[in-house]
Amino acid sequence: MVISLATLNKLLSSVSAITQDALPQANAVAERLGLTVVPVSHAEAQIHVSTDFIALQIPDLGKPITLDFASGKYDHRRKFGGGRGQPLAKAIGLKKGQTPNVIDATAGFARDAFVLASLGCQVTMLEQSAVMSLLIEQAITHGLRNDEIADITQRLSIHHCNAVDYLKQLSTLPDVIYLDPMYPSREKSALVKKEMQLLHQLIGPDLNSDDLLSVARKKALKRVVVKRPKGADYVGQQKPSVSIESKNTRFDIYPTF
């Protein structure tokens, strides 16, 4: 389901402008999300707005999180990820003379989507969290202004929606639909990295991946690819036709109906 504003307001209490110059942007974000603008506080969940970036702060998860396609993990994977030889690219079907267009139905932090766009794919991202959609939007906006990655970023788009509903009404079908369902929750003694903790808090448990896979297989022209932890069960107990494995991850490939 799409995260409602009522649910969002339980997780995020407010929006804060980091500087006075950022107040107009903060007011616009607050209006969009149905939140209020208050002074910066590090003791509560907030969206921090500057004139350059929007960041998400959740107490106990370290420094505020923002998305920047030109730096960090995005930049590293673009430069050193292995190109079309990496498992993700092989699973999607990227090869000489073939560059499929892709719907990433579970965008999250948009890392895999950015990798695919860097390899030439046109990628439409779907995201049920209003906040994650907002962070991806601003990352795209900034990426389009960066000469080094503008050509990559222009191949990305984002929709805040219920992915099952979106796919059901599709008339122009993609070559590939890519799914990366929420990994299983872990006990506090073995928490996943902070970004995944954040997604768990914003999105909650994975309740519709079975339905999503079934709908995706009816809508993709060539294949559906599901990213899973290496030892995880198949989604919905649907056995793939083949899987491609990396060190900790498995890409299950499904034929379409």
C-alpha atoms as a PDB file:
ATOM      1  CA  MET A   1       0.000   0.000   0.000  1.00  0.00           C
ATOM      2  CA  VAL A   2       1.037   3.625  -0.485  1.00  0.00           C
ATOM      3  CA  ILE A   3       2.155   5.223   2.777  1.00  0.00           C
ATOM      4  CA  SER A   4      -0.657   7.553   3.865  1.00  0.00           C
ATOM      5  CA  LEU A   5      -0.046  10.995   5.325  1.00  0.00           C
ATOM      6  CA  ALA A   6      -1.525   9.772   8.613  1.00  0.00           C
ATOM      7  CA  THR A   7       1.074   6.988   8.807  1.00  0.00           C
ATOM      8  CA  LEU A   8       3.809   9.355   7.708  1.00  0.00           C
ATOM      9  CA  ASN A   9       2.923  11.792  10.476  1.00  0.00           C
ATOM     10  CA  LYS A  10       3.447   9.051  13.059  1.00  0.00           C
ATOM     11  CA  LEU A  11       7.001   8.522  11.826  1.00  0.00           C
ATOM     12  CA  LEU A  12       8.031  12.084  11.005  1.00  0.00           C
ATOM     13  CA  SER A  13       7.007  14.876  13.311  1.00  0.00           C
ATOM     14  CA  SER A  14       8.067  17.912  11.343  1.00  0.00           C
ATOM     15  CA  VAL A  15      10.107  19.713   8.704  1.00  0.00           C
ATOM     16  CA  SER A  16      12.972  22.062   9.559  1.00  0.00           C
ATOM     17  CA  ALA A  17      14.810  24.678   7.526  1.00  0.00           C
ATOM     18  CA  ILE A  18      18.556  24.398   8.113  1.00  0.00           C
ATOM     19  CA  THR A  19      19.014  28.068   7.209  1.00  0.00           C
ATOM     20  CA  GLN A  20      16.644  30.995   6.880  1.00  0.00           C
ATOM     21  CA  ASP A  21      17.170  30.973   3.111  1.00  0.00           C
ATOM     22  CA  ALA A  22      15.733  27.454   2.985  1.00  0.00           C
ATOM     23  CA  LEU A  23      12.444  28.392   4.659  1.00  0.00           C
ATOM     24  CA  PRO A  24      10.446  28.656   1.402  1.00  0.00           C
ATOM     25  CA  GLN A  25      11.591  25.155   0.377  1.00  0.00           C
ATOM     26  CA  ALA A  26      10.806  23.824   3.863  1.00  0.00           C
ATOM     27  CA  ASN A  27       7.299  25.288   3.721  1.00  0.00           C
ATOM     28  CA  ALA A  28       6.718  23.656   0.322  1.00  0.00           C
ATOM     29  CA  VAL A  29       7.890  20.253   1.590  1.00  0.00           C
ATOM     30  CA  ALA A  30       5.776  20.545   4.731  1.00  0.00           C
ATOM     31  CA  GLU A  31       2.673  21.425   2.729  1.00  0.00           C
ATOM     32  CA  ARG A  32       3.231  18.498   0.390  1.00  0.00           C
ATOM     33  CA  LEU A  33       3.612  16.007   3.243  1.00  0.00           C
ATOM     34  CA  GLY A  34       1.074  17.479   5.637  1.00  0.00           C
ATOM     35  CA  LEU A  35       3.681  18.327   8.279  1.00  0.00           C
ATOM     36  CA  THR A  36       4.598  21.508  10.146  1.00  0.00           C
ATOM     37  CA  VAL A  37       7.780  23.585  10.002  1.00  0.00           C
ATOM     38  CA  VAL A  38       9.614  23.853  13.331  1.00  0.00           C
ATOM     39  CA  PRO A  39      13.194  24.591  14.504  1.00  0.00           C
ATOM     40  CA  VAL A  40      15.815  21.896  13.988  1.00  0.00           C
ATOM     41  CA  SER A  41      15.818  19.156  16.610  1.00  0.00           C
ATOM     42  CA  HIS A  42      18.018  16.060  16.670  1.00  0.00           C
ATOM     43  CA  ALA A  43      15.810  14.340  19.241  1.00  0.00           C
ATOM     44  CA  GLU A  44      12.933  13.605  16.880  1.00  0.00           C
ATOM     45  CA  ALA A  45      12.344  12.370  13.347  1.00  0.00           C
ATOM     46  CA  GLN A  46      12.486  15.310  10.972  1.00  0.00           C
ATOM     47  CA  ILE A  47      13.013  16.280   7.370  1.00  0.00           C
ATOM     48  CA  HIS A  48      15.852  18.797   7.165  1.00  0.00           C
ATOM     49  CA  VAL A  49      15.709  21.185   4.238  1.00  0.00           C
ATOM     50  CA  SER A  50      18.594  23.313   2.968  1.00  0.00           C
ATOM     51  CA  THR A  51      18.812  25.350  -0.217  1.00  0.00           C
ATOM     52  CA  ASP A  52      20.706  22.432  -1.799  1.00  0.00           C
ATOM     53  CA  PHE A  53      19.380  19.182  -0.358  1.00  0.00           C
ATOM     54  CA  ILE A  54      16.592  17.493   1.548  1.00  0.00           C
ATOM     55  CA  ALA A  55      17.740  15.120   4.294  1.00  0.00           C
ATOM     56  CA  LEU A  56      15.904  12.663   6.517  1.00  0.00           C
ATOM     57  CA  GLN A  57      16.832  12.387  10.169  1.00  0.00           C
ATOM     58  CA  ILE A  58      15.723   9.466  12.313  1.00  0.00           C
ATOM     59  CA  PRO A  59      17.089   9.423  15.889  1.00  0.00           C
ATOM     60  CA  ASP A  60      19.651   6.685  16.594  1.00  0.00           C
ATOM     61  CA  LEU A  61      20.396   6.160  12.896  1.00  0.00           C
ATOM     62  CA  GLY A  62      23.315   8.576  12.760  1.00  0.00           C
ATOM     63  CA  LYS A  63      23.616  11.650  10.597  1.00  0.00           C
ATOM     64  CA  PRO A  64      20.683  12.697   8.388  1.00  0.00           C
ATOM     65  CA  ILE A  65      20.330  10.689   5.184  1.00  0.00           C
ATOM     66  CA  THR A  66      20.168  12.288   1.766  1.00  0.00           C
ATOM     67  CA  LEU A  67      20.400  10.970  -1.785  1.00  0.00           C
ATOM     68  CA  ASP A  68      23.132  12.249  -4.080  1.00  0.00           C
ATOM     69  CA  PHE A  69      23.733  10.384  -7.334  1.00  0.00           C
ATOM     70  CA  ALA A  70      27.077  12.136  -7.822  1.00  0.00           C
ATOM     71  CA  SER A  71      28.749  10.855  -4.653  1.00  0.00           C
ATOM     72  CA  GLY A  72      29.054   7.993  -2.175  1.00  0.00           C
ATOM     73  CA  LYS A  73      27.781   4.548  -3.104  1.00  0.00           C
ATOM     74  CA  TYR A  74      26.114   5.800  -6.271  1.00  0.00           C
ATOM     75  CA  ASP A  75      29.356   7.218  -7.640  1.00  0.00           C
ATOM     76  CA  HIS A  76      31.373   4.169  -6.548  1.00  0.00           C
ATOM     77  CA  ARG A  77      29.025   1.697  -8.214  1.00  0.00           C
ATOM     78  CA  ARG A  78      28.919   3.773 -11.387  1.00  0.00           C
ATOM     79  CA  LYS A  79      32.707   3.756 -11.647  1.00  0.00           C
ATOM     80  CA  PHE A  80      33.649   0.384 -10.180  1.00  0.00           C
ATOM     81  CA  GLY A  81      30.485  -1.761 -10.244  1.00  0.00           C
ATOM     82  CA  GLY A  82      31.585  -3.958 -13.124  1.00  0.00           C
ATOM     83  CA  GLY A  83      29.583  -2.466 -15.985  1.00  0.00           C
ATOM     84  CA  ARG A  84      27.466  -4.849 -18.033  1.00  0.00           C
ATOM     85  CA  GLY A  85      29.385  -7.787 -16.587  1.00  0.00           C
ATOM     86  CA  GLN A  86      27.953  -7.365 -13.083  1.00  0.00           C
ATOM     87  CA  PRO A  87      25.214  -9.785 -11.914  1.00  0.00           C
ATOM     88  CA  LEU A  88      22.477  -7.119 -11.875  1.00  0.00           C
ATOM     89  CA  ALA A  89      23.142  -6.207 -15.512  1.00  0.00           C
ATOM     90  CA  LYS A  90      23.216  -9.848 -16.590  1.00  0.00           C
ATOM     91  CA  ALA A  91      19.956 -10.556 -14.762  1.00  0.00           C
ATOM     92  CA  ILE A  92      18.217  -7.618 -16.429  1.00  0.00           C
ATOM     93  CA  GLY A  93      19.380  -8.861 -19.849  1.00  0.00           C
ATOM     94  CA  LEU A  94      21.847  -6.127 -20.712  1.00  0.00           C
ATOM     95  CA  LYS A  95      24.144  -7.295 -23.476  1.00  0.00           C
ATOM     96  CA  LYS A  96      25.525  -6.131 -26.800  1.00  0.00           C
ATOM     97  CA  GLY A  97      22.716  -4.712 -28.883  1.00  0.00           C
ATOM     98  CA  GLN A  98      20.144  -5.069 -26.095  1.00  0.00           C
ATOM     99  CA  THR A  99      19.365  -2.328 -23.580  1.00  0.00           C
ATOM    100  CA  PRO A 100      15.917  -3.033 -22.099  1.00  0.00           C
ATOM    101  CA  ASN A 101      13.699  -0.388 -20.591  1.00  0.00           C
ATOM    102  CA  VAL A 102      12.917  -1.180 -16.975  1.00  0.00           C
ATOM    103  CA  ILE A 103      10.319  -0.500 -14.315  1.00  0.00           C
ATOM    104  CA  ASP A 104      11.862  -0.670 -10.850  1.00  0.00           C
ATOM    105  CA  ALA A 105       8.708  -1.314  -8.832  1.00  0.00           C
ATOM    106  CA  THR A 106      10.397  -1.058  -5.416  1.00  0.00           C
ATOM    107  CA  ALA A 107      12.734   1.911  -5.789  1.00  0.00           C
ATOM    108  CA  GLY A 108      13.931   2.327  -2.191  1.00  0.00           C
ATOM    109  CA  PHE A 109      17.166   4.344  -2.320  1.00  0.00           C
ATOM    110  CA  ALA A 110      17.276   4.083  -6.134  1.00  0.00           C
ATOM    111  CA  ARG A 111      20.765   2.551  -6.125  1.00  0.00           C
ATOM    112  CA  ASP A 112      20.043  -0.291  -8.530  1.00  0.00           C
ATOM    113  CA  ALA A 113      17.946   2.016 -10.704  1.00  0.00           C
ATOM    114  CA  PHE A 114      20.864   4.443 -10.964  1.00  0.00           C
ATOM    115  CA  VAL A 115      23.233   1.608 -11.904  1.00  0.00           C
ATOM    116  CA  LEU A 116      20.885   0.463 -14.654  1.00  0.00           C
ATOM    117  CA  ALA A 117      20.493   4.023 -15.936  1.00  0.00           C
ATOM    118  CA  SER A 118      24.284   4.399 -15.947  1.00  0.00           C
ATOM    119  CA  LEU A 119      24.400   1.338 -18.228  1.00  0.00           C
ATOM    120  CA  GLY A 120      21.932   2.896 -20.665  1.00  0.00           C
ATOM    121  CA  CYS A 121      18.535   1.680 -19.454  1.00  0.00           C
ATOM    122  CA  GLN A 122      15.510   3.948 -19.269  1.00  0.00           C
ATOM    123  CA  VAL A 123      14.236   3.290 -15.734  1.00  0.00           C
ATOM    124  CA  THR A 124      10.839   4.199 -14.319  1.00  0.00           C
ATOM    125  CA  MET A 125      10.870   3.948 -10.525  1.00  0.00           C
ATOM    126  CA  LEU A 126       7.822   3.259  -8.353  1.00  0.00           C
ATOM    127  CA  GLU A 127       7.953   4.044  -4.627  1.00  0.00           C
ATOM    128  CA  GLN A 128       5.206   3.739  -2.037  1.00  0.00           C
ATOM    129  CA  SER A 129       6.847   6.027   0.535  1.00  0.00           C
ATOM    130  CA  ALA A 130       6.112   9.720   0.048  1.00  0.00           C
ATOM    131  CA  VAL A 131       9.371  10.670   1.762  1.00  0.00           C
ATOM    132  CA  MET A 132      11.561   8.320  -0.266  1.00  0.00           C
ATOM    133  CA  SER A 133       9.870   9.561  -3.435  1.00  0.00           C
ATOM    134  CA  LEU A 134      10.692  13.117  -2.405  1.00  0.00           C
ATOM    135  CA  LEU A 135      14.341  12.252  -1.752  1.00  0.00           C
ATOM    136  CA  ILE A 136      14.612  10.533  -5.145  1.00  0.00           C
ATOM    137  CA  GLU A 137      12.985  13.511  -6.875  1.00  0.00           C
ATOM    138  CA  GLN A 138      15.531  15.925  -5.424  1.00  0.00           C
ATOM    139  CA  ALA A 139      18.383  13.547  -6.330  1.00  0.00           C
ATOM    140  CA  ILE A 140      17.152  13.536  -9.932  1.00  0.00           C
ATOM    141  CA  THR A 141      16.843  17.331  -9.940  1.00  0.00           C
ATOM    142  CA  HIS A 142      20.411  17.755  -8.699  1.00  0.00           C
ATOM    143  CA  GLY A 143      21.728  15.054 -10.998  1.00  0.00           C
ATOM    144  CA  LEU A 144      20.322  16.831 -14.034  1.00  0.00           C
ATOM    145  CA  ARG A 145      22.392  19.894 -13.078  1.00  0.00           C
ATOM    146  CA  ASN A 146      25.612  17.887 -12.835  1.00  0.00           C
ATOM    147  CA  ASP A 147      27.374  17.625 -16.191  1.00  0.00           C
ATOM    148  CA  GLU A 148      29.099  14.369 -15.214  1.00  0.00           C
ATOM    149  CA  ILE A 149      25.871  12.429 -14.585  1.00  0.00           C
ATOM    150  CA  ALA A 150      23.148  14.471 -16.327  1.00  0.00           C
ATOM    151  CA  ASP A 151      22.927  12.040 -19.241  1.00  0.00           C
ATOM    152  CA  ILE A 152      22.394   9.192 -16.756  1.00  0.00           C
ATOM    153  CA  THR A 153      19.882  11.024 -14.591  1.00  0.00           C
ATOM    154  CA  GLN A 154      17.704  11.975 -17.551  1.00  0.00           C
ATOM    155  CA  ARG A 155      16.985   8.280 -17.991  1.00  0.00           C
ATOM    156  CA  LEU A 156      15.361   8.138 -14.518  1.00  0.00           C
ATOM    157  CA  SER A 157      11.823   9.010 -13.454  1.00  0.00           C
ATOM    158  CA  ILE A 158       9.916   8.434 -10.195  1.00  0.00           C
ATOM    159  CA  HIS A 159       6.249   7.873  -9.315  1.00  0.00           C
ATOM    160  CA  HIS A 160       4.867   7.815  -5.769  1.00  0.00           C
ATOM    161  CA  CYS A 161       2.246   5.095  -6.028  1.00  0.00           C
ATOM    162  CA  ASN A 162       1.015   1.644  -5.152  1.00  0.00           C
ATOM    163  CA  ALA A 163       3.108  -0.522  -7.476  1.00  0.00           C
ATOM    164  CA  VAL A 164       0.465  -3.239  -7.899  1.00  0.00           C
ATOM    165  CA  ASP A 165      -2.171  -0.697  -8.919  1.00  0.00           C
ATOM    166  CA  TYR A 166       0.270   1.104 -11.215  1.00  0.00           C
ATOM    167  CA  LEU A 167       1.258  -2.082 -13.022  1.00  0.00           C
ATOM    168  CA  LYS A 168      -2.321  -3.273 -13.383  1.00  0.00           C
ATOM    169  CA  GLN A 169      -3.307  -0.164 -15.332  1.00  0.00           C
ATOM    170  CA  LEU A 170      -0.223  -0.111 -17.582  1.00  0.00           C
ATOM    171  CA  SER A 171      -0.917  -0.006 -21.302  1.00  0.00           C
ATOM    172  CA  THR A 172       2.624   0.657 -22.552  1.00  0.00           C
ATOM    173  CA  LEU A 173       4.552  -2.327 -21.250  1.00  0.00           C
ATOM    174  CA  PRO A 174       8.236  -2.391 -20.183  1.00  0.00           C
ATOM    175  CA  ASP A 175      10.758  -4.957 -21.310  1.00  0.00           C
ATOM    176  CA  VAL A 176      11.709  -5.800 -17.713  1.00  0.00           C
ATOM    177  CA  ILE A 177      10.148  -5.295 -14.299  1.00  0.00           C
ATOM    178  CA  TYR A 178      12.609  -5.322 -11.410  1.00  0.00           C
ATOM    179  CA  LEU A 179      11.602  -6.080  -7.815  1.00  0.00           C
ATOM    180  CA  ASP A 180      13.657  -5.742  -4.670  1.00  0.00           C
ATOM    181  CA  PRO A 181      11.226  -6.626  -1.854  1.00  0.00           C
ATOM    182  CA  MET A 182      12.020  -5.597   1.695  1.00  0.00           C
ATOM    183  CA  TYR A 183      14.509  -8.004   3.218  1.00  0.00           C
ATOM    184  CA  PRO A 184      13.243  -9.908   6.281  1.00  0.00           C
ATOM    185  CA  SER A 185      13.441  -7.975   9.548  1.00  0.00           C
ATOM    186  CA  ARG A 186      16.187  -8.894  11.985  1.00  0.00           C
ATOM    187  CA  GLU A 187      16.458  -8.834  15.728  1.00  0.00           C
ATOM    188  CA  LYS A 188      18.014  -5.785  17.358  1.00  0.00           C
ATOM    189  CA  SER A 189      21.261  -7.646  17.988  1.00  0.00           C
ATOM    190  CA  ALA A 190      21.750  -8.092  14.263  1.00  0.00           C
ATOM    191  CA  LEU A 191      20.244  -4.971  12.734  1.00  0.00           C
ATOM    192  CA  VAL A 192      20.803  -4.315   9.078  1.00  0.00           C
ATOM    193  CA  LYS A 193      22.654  -1.184   8.081  1.00  0.00           C
ATOM    194  CA  LYS A 194      21.048   2.129   8.907  1.00  0.00           C
ATOM    195  CA  GLU A 195      19.546   2.716   5.467  1.00  0.00           C
ATOM    196  CA  MET A 196      17.600  -0.548   5.653  1.00  0.00           C
ATOM    197  CA  GLN A 197      16.472   0.279   9.200  1.00  0.00           C
ATOM    198  CA  LEU A 198      15.135   3.517   7.796  1.00  0.00           C
ATOM    199  CA  LEU A 199      13.201   1.755   5.049  1.00  0.00           C
ATOM    200  CA  HIS A 200      11.722  -0.653   7.582  1.00  0.00           C
ATOM    201  CA  GLN A 201      10.512   2.324   9.634  1.00  0.00           C
ATOM    202  CA  LEU A 202       9.104   4.218   6.662  1.00  0.00           C
ATOM    203  CA  ILE A 203       7.574   1.353   4.720  1.00  0.00           C
ATOM    204  CA  GLY A 204       6.954  -1.359   7.291  1.00  0.00           C
ATOM    205  CA  PRO A 205       6.828  -5.105   6.645  1.00  0.00           C
ATOM    206  CA  ASP A 206       6.656  -6.519   3.138  1.00  0.00           C
ATOM    207  CA  LEU A 207       3.047  -7.581   2.680  1.00  0.00           C
ATOM    208  CA  ASN A 208       2.409  -7.568  -1.060  1.00  0.00           C
ATOM    209  CA  SER A 209       5.487  -8.959  -2.834  1.00  0.00           C
ATOM    210  CA  ASP A 210       3.571 -12.129  -3.829  1.00  0.00           C
ATOM    211  CA  ASP A 211       0.877 -10.082  -5.574  1.00  0.00           C
ATOM    212  CA  LEU A 212       3.467  -7.740  -7.051  1.00  0.00           C
ATOM    213  CA  LEU A 213       5.400 -10.592  -8.632  1.00  0.00           C
ATOM    214  CA  SER A 214       2.242 -12.145 -10.069  1.00  0.00           C
ATOM    215  CA  VAL A 215       1.111  -8.858 -11.630  1.00  0.00           C
ATOM    216  CA  ALA A 216       4.622  -8.063 -12.889  1.00  0.00           C
ATOM    217  CA  ARG A 217       4.826 -11.361 -14.756  1.00  0.00           C
ATOM    218  CA  LYS A 218       1.691 -10.382 -16.682  1.00  0.00           C
ATOM    219  CA  LYS A 219       3.001  -6.925 -17.572  1.00  0.00           C
ATOM    220  CA  ALA A 220       6.684  -7.328 -18.482  1.00  0.00           C
ATOM    221  CA  LEU A 221       7.409  -8.069 -22.121  1.00  0.00           C
ATOM    222  CA  LYS A 222      10.596 -10.076 -21.583  1.00  0.00           C
ATOM    223  CA  ARG A 223      11.231 -10.957 -17.929  1.00  0.00           C
ATOM    224  CA  VAL A 224      10.786 -10.135 -14.253  1.00  0.00           C
ATOM    225  CA  VAL A 225      13.846  -9.992 -12.016  1.00  0.00           C
ATOM    226  CA  VAL A 226      13.592 -10.316  -8.229  1.00  0.00           C
ATOM    227  CA  LYS A 227      16.529  -9.446  -5.984  1.00  0.00           C
ATOM    228  CA  ARG A 228      16.786 -11.565  -2.837  1.00  0.00           C
ATOM    229  CA  PRO A 229      19.277 -12.331  -0.086  1.00  0.00           C
ATOM    230  CA  LYS A 230      21.268 -15.367  -1.201  1.00  0.00           C
ATOM    231  CA  GLY A 231      19.595 -17.829   1.170  1.00  0.00           C
ATOM    232  CA  ALA A 232      16.092 -16.386   1.132  1.00  0.00           C
ATOM    233  CA  ASP A 233      12.972 -18.242   0.009  1.00  0.00           C
ATOM    234  CA  TYR A 234      11.521 -17.541  -3.411  1.00  0.00           C
ATOM    235  CA  VAL A 235       8.891 -14.796  -3.367  1.00  0.00           C
ATOM    236  CA  GLY A 236       5.440 -16.352  -3.116  1.00  0.00           C
ATOM    237  CA  GLN A 237       7.073 -19.772  -3.470  1.00  0.00           C
ATOM    238  CA  GLN A 238       7.220 -19.060  -7.221  1.00  0.00           C
ATOM    239  CA  LYS A 239      10.285 -20.835  -8.569  1.00  0.00           C
ATOM    240  CA  PRO A 240      12.287 -18.824 -11.101  1.00  0.00           C
ATOM    241  CA  SER A 241      13.469 -20.220 -14.405  1.00  0.00           C
ATOM    242  CA  VAL A 242      17.065 -19.331 -13.478  1.00  0.00           C
ATOM    243  CA  SER A 243      18.978 -17.401 -10.824  1.00  0.00           C
ATOM    244  CA  ILE A 244      22.187 -15.370 -11.005  1.00  0.00           C
ATOM    245  CA  GLU A 245      24.156 -15.147  -7.775  1.00  0.00           C
ATOM    246  CA  SER A 246      26.705 -12.752  -6.348  1.00  0.00           C
ATOM    247  CA  LYS A 247      28.445 -12.978  -2.990  1.00  0.00           C
ATOM    248  CA  ASN A 248      25.431 -12.132  -0.813  1.00  0.00           C
ATOM    249  CA  THR A 249      22.639 -11.622  -3.311  1.00  0.00           C
ATOM    250  CA  ARG A 250      20.572 -13.694  -5.714  1.00  0.00           C
ATOM    251  CA  PHE A 251      18.699 -12.423  -8.772  1.00  0.00           C
ATOM    252  CA  ASP A 252      15.741 -14.672  -9.586  1.00  0.00           C
ATOM    253  CA  ILE A 253      14.614 -14.439 -13.213  1.00  0.00           C
ATOM    254  CA  TYR A 254      10.987 -15.216 -14.129  1.00  0.00           C
ATOM    255  CA  PRO A 255       9.416 -15.679 -17.552  1.00  0.00           C
ATOM    256  CA  THR A 256       6.329 -13.646 -18.378  1.00  0.00           C
ATOM    257  CA  PHE A 257       2.813 -14.997 -18.885  1.00  0.00           C
END
